[in-house]
Amino acid sequence: QVQLAESGGGSVQAGGSLQISCVISGETWTACDMGWYRQAPGEERELVSSIKMDDGTTRYADSVKGRFTISQANAKKTLLLQMNSLKTEDTAVYYCAARRCGMVRFNYWGQGTQVTVSS
């Protein structure tokens, strides 16, 4: 099992920056990918960004490319998402996620952290 705990959400004005974090614990060696999803009210949960644990390959949703950066710290036990040039449409609950090696989809989830961007 992998446990995920997010922190760092909050409120910011449009154009501002925010960094959210996720501490990973448990059987961390079983995770092949880590990622950030978000879900806005009335919307489907969407993948924002992900990173491969073995080689660090990253990918981003088109809507956040050039503004958000995913990274790891503390011997890959912390997942970060640096969000710059925030827009009101970035408002959502952001979830940290992990995909166990051998699984097709992300199967471990954090409790989520609210990010609110005001105009």
C-alpha atoms as a PDB file:
ATOM      1  CA  GLN A   1       0.000   0.000   0.000  1.00  0.00           C
ATOM      2  CA  VAL A   2       1.030   3.578  -0.689  1.00  0.00           C
ATOM      3  CA  GLN A   3      -0.224   6.476   1.379  1.00  0.00           C
ATOM      4  CA  LEU A   4      -0.400  10.001  -0.017  1.00  0.00           C
ATOM      5  CA  ALA A   5      -0.929  13.240   1.881  1.00  0.00           C
ATOM      6  CA  GLU A   6      -1.266  16.600   0.139  1.00  0.00           C
ATOM      7  CA  SER A   7      -0.657  20.031   1.585  1.00  0.00           C
ATOM      8  CA  GLY A   8      -0.153  23.597   0.435  1.00  0.00           C
ATOM      9  CA  GLY A   9      -3.446  24.458  -1.158  1.00  0.00           C
ATOM     10  CA  GLY A  10      -5.056  27.814  -0.610  1.00  0.00           C
ATOM     11  CA  SER A  11      -6.368  30.955  -2.233  1.00  0.00           C
ATOM     12  CA  VAL A  12      -4.457  33.160  -4.623  1.00  0.00           C
ATOM     13  CA  GLN A  13      -5.246  35.913  -7.093  1.00  0.00           C
ATOM     14  CA  ALA A  14      -5.079  35.312 -10.819  1.00  0.00           C
ATOM     15  CA  GLY A  15      -1.541  35.639 -12.077  1.00  0.00           C
ATOM     16  CA  GLY A  16      -0.117  34.462  -8.780  1.00  0.00           C
ATOM     17  CA  SER A  17       1.785  31.321  -7.831  1.00  0.00           C
ATOM     18  CA  LEU A  18       1.255  28.430  -5.466  1.00  0.00           C
ATOM     19  CA  GLN A  19       3.112  25.229  -4.699  1.00  0.00           C
ATOM     20  CA  ILE A  20       1.370  22.112  -3.473  1.00  0.00           C
ATOM     21  CA  SER A  21       3.115  19.092  -1.979  1.00  0.00           C
ATOM     22  CA  CYS A  22       2.421  15.423  -1.490  1.00  0.00           C
ATOM     23  CA  VAL A  23       4.241  13.224   0.985  1.00  0.00           C
ATOM     24  CA  ILE A  24       4.463   9.612  -0.096  1.00  0.00           C
ATOM     25  CA  SER A  25       4.781   6.815   2.448  1.00  0.00           C
ATOM     26  CA  GLY A  26       4.344   3.067   2.689  1.00  0.00           C
ATOM     27  CA  GLU A  27       5.449   0.746  -0.115  1.00  0.00           C
ATOM     28  CA  THR A  28       6.798   3.578  -2.219  1.00  0.00           C
ATOM     29  CA  TRP A  29       9.021   1.253  -4.255  1.00  0.00           C
ATOM     30  CA  THR A  30       5.902  -0.275  -5.822  1.00  0.00           C
ATOM     31  CA  ALA A  31       4.875   2.996  -7.506  1.00  0.00           C
ATOM     32  CA  CYS A  32       5.884   3.465 -11.140  1.00  0.00           C
ATOM     33  CA  ASP A  33       4.216   6.822 -11.773  1.00  0.00           C
ATOM     34  CA  MET A  34       3.169   9.748  -9.633  1.00  0.00           C
ATOM     35  CA  GLY A  35       0.810  12.462 -10.696  1.00  0.00           C
ATOM     36  CA  TRP A  36      -1.490  15.338  -9.937  1.00  0.00           C
ATOM     37  CA  TYR A  37      -5.134  15.287 -10.884  1.00  0.00           C
ATOM     38  CA  ARG A  38      -7.700  17.995 -10.333  1.00  0.00           C
ATOM     39  CA  GLN A  39     -11.463  18.168 -10.180  1.00  0.00           C
ATOM     40  CA  ALA A  40     -13.498  21.331 -10.467  1.00  0.00           C
ATOM     41  CA  PRO A  41     -17.149  21.460  -9.337  1.00  0.00           C
ATOM     42  CA  GLY A  42     -19.356  19.686 -11.845  1.00  0.00           C
ATOM     43  CA  GLU A  43     -16.382  18.512 -13.873  1.00  0.00           C
ATOM     44  CA  GLU A  44     -14.618  15.209 -14.412  1.00  0.00           C
ATOM     45  CA  ARG A  45     -11.341  14.555 -12.652  1.00  0.00           C
ATOM     46  CA  GLU A  46      -8.496  15.316 -15.062  1.00  0.00           C
ATOM     47  CA  LEU A  47      -4.799  14.553 -15.149  1.00  0.00           C
ATOM     48  CA  VAL A  48      -2.758  17.710 -14.703  1.00  0.00           C
ATOM     49  CA  SER A  49       0.743  16.293 -14.723  1.00  0.00           C
ATOM     50  CA  SER A  50       2.627  13.073 -14.111  1.00  0.00           C
ATOM     51  CA  ILE A  51       6.188  11.877 -13.620  1.00  0.00           C
ATOM     52  CA  LYS A  52       7.760   8.466 -14.061  1.00  0.00           C
ATOM     53  CA  MET A  53       9.605   7.238 -11.015  1.00  0.00           C
ATOM     54  CA  ASP A  54      12.394   5.499 -12.927  1.00  0.00           C
ATOM     55  CA  ASP A  55      13.573   8.154 -15.369  1.00  0.00           C
ATOM     56  CA  GLY A  56      11.723  11.304 -14.351  1.00  0.00           C
ATOM     57  CA  THR A  57       9.857  11.687 -17.638  1.00  0.00           C
ATOM     58  CA  THR A  58       7.109  14.247 -17.200  1.00  0.00           C
ATOM     59  CA  ARG A  59       3.930  15.084 -19.032  1.00  0.00           C
ATOM     60  CA  TYR A  60       1.444  17.896 -18.720  1.00  0.00           C
ATOM     61  CA  ALA A  61      -2.083  18.681 -19.740  1.00  0.00           C
ATOM     62  CA  ASP A  62      -2.146  21.234 -22.557  1.00  0.00           C
ATOM     63  CA  SER A  63      -3.985  23.671 -20.307  1.00  0.00           C
ATOM     64  CA  VAL A  64      -1.063  23.909 -17.861  1.00  0.00           C
ATOM     65  CA  LYS A  65       1.984  23.526 -20.114  1.00  0.00           C
ATOM     66  CA  GLY A  66       4.486  26.284 -19.538  1.00  0.00           C
ATOM     67  CA  ARG A  67       2.831  27.311 -16.267  1.00  0.00           C
ATOM     68  CA  PHE A  68       3.016  24.247 -13.995  1.00  0.00           C
ATOM     69  CA  THR A  69       6.081  22.183 -13.080  1.00  0.00           C
ATOM     70  CA  ILE A  70       6.034  18.762 -11.453  1.00  0.00           C
ATOM     71  CA  SER A  71       9.067  17.603  -9.506  1.00  0.00           C
ATOM     72  CA  GLN A  72      10.233  15.301  -6.749  1.00  0.00           C
ATOM     73  CA  ALA A  73      12.226  15.925  -3.588  1.00  0.00           C
ATOM     74  CA  ASN A  74      13.435  14.145  -0.471  1.00  0.00           C
ATOM     75  CA  ALA A  75      14.583  10.992  -2.258  1.00  0.00           C
ATOM     76  CA  LYS A  76      11.330  10.903  -4.249  1.00  0.00           C
ATOM     77  CA  LYS A  77       9.257  10.811  -1.068  1.00  0.00           C
ATOM     78  CA  THR A  78       7.745  14.229  -1.828  1.00  0.00           C
ATOM     79  CA  LEU A  79       5.910  15.191  -4.989  1.00  0.00           C
ATOM     80  CA  LEU A  80       5.640  18.887  -5.797  1.00  0.00           C
ATOM     81  CA  LEU A  81       3.553  20.911  -8.202  1.00  0.00           C
ATOM     82  CA  GLN A  82       4.687  24.480  -8.766  1.00  0.00           C
ATOM     83  CA  MET A  83       1.854  26.477 -10.281  1.00  0.00           C
ATOM     84  CA  ASN A  84       2.618  29.859 -11.843  1.00  0.00           C
ATOM     85  CA  SER A  85       0.495  32.352 -13.769  1.00  0.00           C
ATOM     86  CA  LEU A  86      -2.584  30.867 -12.183  1.00  0.00           C
ATOM     87  CA  LYS A  87      -5.946  31.406 -13.847  1.00  0.00           C
ATOM     88  CA  THR A  88      -9.430  31.300 -12.386  1.00  0.00           C
ATOM     89  CA  GLU A  89     -10.059  28.116 -14.368  1.00  0.00           C
ATOM     90  CA  ASP A  90      -7.310  26.405 -12.359  1.00  0.00           C
ATOM     91  CA  THR A  91      -9.635  26.459  -9.353  1.00  0.00           C
ATOM     92  CA  ALA A  92     -10.210  22.854  -8.283  1.00  0.00           C
ATOM     93  CA  VAL A  93      -9.437  20.219  -5.706  1.00  0.00           C
ATOM     94  CA  TYR A  94      -6.001  18.853  -6.541  1.00  0.00           C
ATOM     95  CA  TYR A  95      -5.286  15.190  -5.842  1.00  0.00           C
ATOM     96  CA  CYS A  96      -1.954  13.457  -5.559  1.00  0.00           C
ATOM     97  CA  ALA A  97      -1.995  10.022  -7.174  1.00  0.00           C
ATOM     98  CA  ALA A  98       0.255   7.023  -7.635  1.00  0.00           C
ATOM     99  CA  ARG A  99       0.149   4.148 -10.070  1.00  0.00           C
ATOM    100  CA  ARG A 100       1.315   0.806  -8.797  1.00  0.00           C
ATOM    101  CA  CYS A 101       3.641  -0.934 -11.236  1.00  0.00           C
ATOM    102  CA  GLY A 102       1.612  -3.350 -13.325  1.00  0.00           C
ATOM    103  CA  MET A 103      -1.617  -1.395 -12.965  1.00  0.00           C
ATOM    104  CA  VAL A 104      -3.113   0.420 -15.936  1.00  0.00           C
ATOM    105  CA  ARG A 105      -4.517   3.375 -14.026  1.00  0.00           C
ATOM    106  CA  PHE A 106      -3.550   5.429 -11.014  1.00  0.00           C
ATOM    107  CA  ASN A 107      -4.855   3.478  -8.061  1.00  0.00           C
ATOM    108  CA  TYR A 108      -3.656   5.321  -4.948  1.00  0.00           C
ATOM    109  CA  TRP A 109      -5.118   8.713  -4.062  1.00  0.00           C
ATOM    110  CA  GLY A 110      -4.609  11.436  -1.523  1.00  0.00           C
ATOM    111  CA  GLN A 111      -7.467  13.244   0.173  1.00  0.00           C
ATOM    112  CA  GLY A 112      -7.117  16.336  -2.020  1.00  0.00           C
ATOM    113  CA  THR A 113      -6.245  19.963  -1.406  1.00  0.00           C
ATOM    114  CA  GLN A 114      -8.315  22.946  -2.508  1.00  0.00           C
ATOM    115  CA  VAL A 115      -6.790  25.551  -4.805  1.00  0.00           C
ATOM    116  CA  THR A 116      -8.881  28.655  -5.396  1.00  0.00           C
ATOM    117  CA  VAL A 117      -7.857  31.343  -7.891  1.00  0.00           C
ATOM    118  CA  SER A 118      -9.799  34.586  -7.764  1.00  0.00           C
ATOM    119  CA  SER A 119      -9.958  37.335 -10.356  1.00  0.00           C
END
